[in-house]
Amino acid sequence: MRRPPLGTRLAAVADQPQSSGLAGTVRQLGGDSLVALLERTARAHPQRPALVDGARNLSYTELWAEVSSIAGWLRAQGLGPGSTVGLGLPRGNRFVAAIFAV
């Protein structure tokens, strides 16, 4: 198994029942998911700052690249829609990118 990108620690939890509430849902904004809005914003404003966490600032292009990298790694591990994934990260840019990727 390859290591996840960016030093991200991710874990899939198989056969765990989904909790009720908002877990596992996609919030729709004007017909677009948050991920679709991020992708569209990255294309429209690639160099604008997307995240600032004090240690490292990310443009929309950089954020989209990190999200895509993490999502690709998850798919390579056999995870997809409906899979349960745990994130073990400190708060910051990588945590936000991992949330979008999941």
C-alpha atoms as a PDB file:
ATOM      1  CA  MET A   1       0.000   0.000   0.000  1.00  0.00           C
ATOM      2  CA  ARG A   2       1.378   3.398  -0.975  1.00  0.00           C
ATOM      3  CA  ARG A   3       1.572   6.162   1.585  1.00  0.00           C
ATOM      4  CA  PRO A   4      -1.093   8.849   1.350  1.00  0.00           C
ATOM      5  CA  PRO A   5      -0.067  12.169  -0.216  1.00  0.00           C
ATOM      6  CA  LEU A   6       1.160  15.143   1.797  1.00  0.00           C
ATOM      7  CA  GLY A   7       1.920  13.086   4.879  1.00  0.00           C
ATOM      8  CA  THR A   8      -1.831  12.789   5.395  1.00  0.00           C
ATOM      9  CA  ARG A   9      -2.946   9.990   7.677  1.00  0.00           C
ATOM     10  CA  LEU A  10      -6.201   8.572   6.356  1.00  0.00           C
ATOM     11  CA  ALA A  11      -7.967   5.423   7.422  1.00  0.00           C
ATOM     12  CA  ALA A  12     -10.903   3.619   5.866  1.00  0.00           C
ATOM     13  CA  VAL A  13     -13.289   2.019   8.285  1.00  0.00           C
ATOM     14  CA  ALA A  14     -15.134  -0.840   6.600  1.00  0.00           C
ATOM     15  CA  ASP A  15     -18.574  -2.096   7.570  1.00  0.00           C
ATOM     16  CA  GLN A  16     -19.278   0.709   9.984  1.00  0.00           C
ATOM     17  CA  PRO A  17     -22.892   1.868  10.050  1.00  0.00           C
ATOM     18  CA  GLN A  18     -23.428   5.428   8.941  1.00  0.00           C
ATOM     19  CA  SER A  19     -24.575   7.768  11.665  1.00  0.00           C
ATOM     20  CA  SER A  20     -27.755   9.730  11.225  1.00  0.00           C
ATOM     21  CA  GLY A  21     -27.679  13.436  10.523  1.00  0.00           C
ATOM     22  CA  LEU A  22     -25.424  15.171   8.033  1.00  0.00           C
ATOM     23  CA  ALA A  23     -22.647  12.554   7.903  1.00  0.00           C
ATOM     24  CA  GLY A  24     -22.133  11.235   4.389  1.00  0.00           C
ATOM     25  CA  THR A  25     -24.324  13.834   2.705  1.00  0.00           C
ATOM     26  CA  VAL A  26     -23.434  16.423   0.102  1.00  0.00           C
ATOM     27  CA  ARG A  27     -24.795  19.852   0.734  1.00  0.00           C
ATOM     28  CA  GLN A  28     -26.130  21.318  -2.484  1.00  0.00           C
ATOM     29  CA  LEU A  29     -25.614  25.017  -3.179  1.00  0.00           C
ATOM     30  CA  GLY A  30     -27.553  26.251  -6.158  1.00  0.00           C
ATOM     31  CA  GLY A  31     -27.400  22.786  -7.710  1.00  0.00           C
ATOM     32  CA  ASP A  32     -23.618  22.435  -7.247  1.00  0.00           C
ATOM     33  CA  SER A  33     -21.777  20.453  -4.592  1.00  0.00           C
ATOM     34  CA  LEU A  34     -19.077  22.179  -2.555  1.00  0.00           C
ATOM     35  CA  VAL A  35     -16.466  20.213  -4.521  1.00  0.00           C
ATOM     36  CA  ALA A  36     -17.901  21.427  -7.841  1.00  0.00           C
ATOM     37  CA  LEU A  37     -17.855  25.005  -6.538  1.00  0.00           C
ATOM     38  CA  LEU A  38     -14.221  24.604  -5.469  1.00  0.00           C
ATOM     39  CA  GLU A  39     -13.245  23.246  -8.883  1.00  0.00           C
ATOM     40  CA  ARG A  40     -15.072  26.062 -10.673  1.00  0.00           C
ATOM     41  CA  THR A  41     -13.461  28.692  -8.435  1.00  0.00           C
ATOM     42  CA  ALA A  42     -10.004  27.171  -9.005  1.00  0.00           C
ATOM     43  CA  ARG A  43     -10.517  27.533 -12.756  1.00  0.00           C
ATOM     44  CA  ALA A  44     -11.918  31.063 -12.545  1.00  0.00           C
ATOM     45  CA  HIS A  45      -9.455  32.445  -9.960  1.00  0.00           C
ATOM     46  CA  PRO A  46      -6.423  30.121  -9.940  1.00  0.00           C
ATOM     47  CA  GLN A  47      -3.981  32.415  -8.126  1.00  0.00           C
ATOM     48  CA  ARG A  48      -6.312  33.878  -5.531  1.00  0.00           C
ATOM     49  CA  PRO A  49      -5.700  32.764  -1.953  1.00  0.00           C
ATOM     50  CA  ALA A  50      -8.002  29.906  -0.991  1.00  0.00           C
ATOM     51  CA  LEU A  51      -6.640  29.009   2.455  1.00  0.00           C
ATOM     52  CA  VAL A  52      -4.351  30.703   4.932  1.00  0.00           C
ATOM     53  CA  ASP A  53      -3.269  28.733   7.994  1.00  0.00           C
ATOM     54  CA  GLY A  54      -0.234  30.702   9.119  1.00  0.00           C
ATOM     55  CA  ALA A  55       2.267  28.042   8.083  1.00  0.00           C
ATOM     56  CA  ARG A  56       1.365  27.822   4.427  1.00  0.00           C
ATOM     57  CA  ASN A  57      -0.979  29.733   2.145  1.00  0.00           C
ATOM     58  CA  LEU A  58      -2.654  27.902  -0.729  1.00  0.00           C
ATOM     59  CA  SER A  59      -4.035  29.361  -3.928  1.00  0.00           C
ATOM     60  CA  TYR A  60      -7.167  27.799  -5.391  1.00  0.00           C
ATOM     61  CA  THR A  61      -4.976  25.942  -7.907  1.00  0.00           C
ATOM     62  CA  GLU A  62      -2.793  24.528  -5.111  1.00  0.00           C
ATOM     63  CA  LEU A  63      -5.812  23.575  -2.999  1.00  0.00           C
ATOM     64  CA  TRP A  64      -7.453  21.834  -5.961  1.00  0.00           C
ATOM     65  CA  ALA A  65      -4.205  19.946  -6.673  1.00  0.00           C
ATOM     66  CA  GLU A  66      -4.014  18.720  -3.053  1.00  0.00           C
ATOM     67  CA  VAL A  67      -7.689  17.710  -3.058  1.00  0.00           C
ATOM     68  CA  SER A  68      -7.212  15.818  -6.337  1.00  0.00           C
ATOM     69  CA  SER A  69      -4.090  14.092  -5.028  1.00  0.00           C
ATOM     70  CA  ILE A  70      -5.784  12.882  -1.852  1.00  0.00           C
ATOM     71  CA  ALA A  71      -8.935  11.816  -3.729  1.00  0.00           C
ATOM     72  CA  GLY A  72      -6.824   9.876  -6.234  1.00  0.00           C
ATOM     73  CA  TRP A  73      -5.011   8.096  -3.419  1.00  0.00           C
ATOM     74  CA  LEU A  74      -8.325   7.163  -1.799  1.00  0.00           C
ATOM     75  CA  ARG A  75      -9.616   5.735  -5.095  1.00  0.00           C
ATOM     76  CA  ALA A  76      -6.367   3.773  -5.529  1.00  0.00           C
ATOM     77  CA  GLN A  77      -7.013   2.202  -2.118  1.00  0.00           C
ATOM     78  CA  GLY A  78     -10.403   0.985  -3.351  1.00  0.00           C
ATOM     79  CA  LEU A  79     -12.475   3.636  -1.588  1.00  0.00           C
ATOM     80  CA  GLY A  80     -15.329   5.441  -3.232  1.00  0.00           C
ATOM     81  CA  PRO A  81     -18.749   6.944  -2.629  1.00  0.00           C
ATOM     82  CA  GLY A  82     -20.256   5.486   0.523  1.00  0.00           C
ATOM     83  CA  SER A  83     -16.897   4.497   2.040  1.00  0.00           C
ATOM     84  CA  THR A  84     -16.204   5.658   5.574  1.00  0.00           C
ATOM     85  CA  VAL A  85     -12.904   7.498   5.964  1.00  0.00           C
ATOM     86  CA  GLY A  86     -11.315   8.829   9.141  1.00  0.00           C
ATOM     87  CA  LEU A  87      -9.012  11.851   9.074  1.00  0.00           C
ATOM     88  CA  GLY A  88      -6.181  12.096  11.596  1.00  0.00           C
ATOM     89  CA  LEU A  89      -4.799  15.553  10.929  1.00  0.00           C
ATOM     90  CA  PRO A  90      -4.210  18.749  12.845  1.00  0.00           C
ATOM     91  CA  ARG A  91      -6.321  21.706  11.805  1.00  0.00           C
ATOM     92  CA  GLY A  92      -4.911  23.472   8.776  1.00  0.00           C
ATOM     93  CA  ASN A  93      -4.714  23.435   4.979  1.00  0.00           C
ATOM     94  CA  ARG A  94      -4.175  19.678   4.692  1.00  0.00           C
ATOM     95  CA  PHE A  95      -7.174  18.938   6.868  1.00  0.00           C
ATOM     96  CA  VAL A  96      -9.398  21.154   4.698  1.00  0.00           C
ATOM     97  CA  ALA A  97      -8.049  19.529   1.504  1.00  0.00           C
ATOM     98  CA  ALA A  98      -8.711  16.060   2.971  1.00  0.00           C
ATOM     99  CA  ILE A  99     -12.304  17.020   3.836  1.00  0.00           C
ATOM    100  CA  PHE A 100     -12.917  18.094   0.235  1.00  0.00           C
ATOM    101  CA  ALA A 101     -11.265  14.889  -1.034  1.00  0.00           C
ATOM    102  CA  VAL A 102     -13.490  12.673   1.070  1.00  0.00           C
END
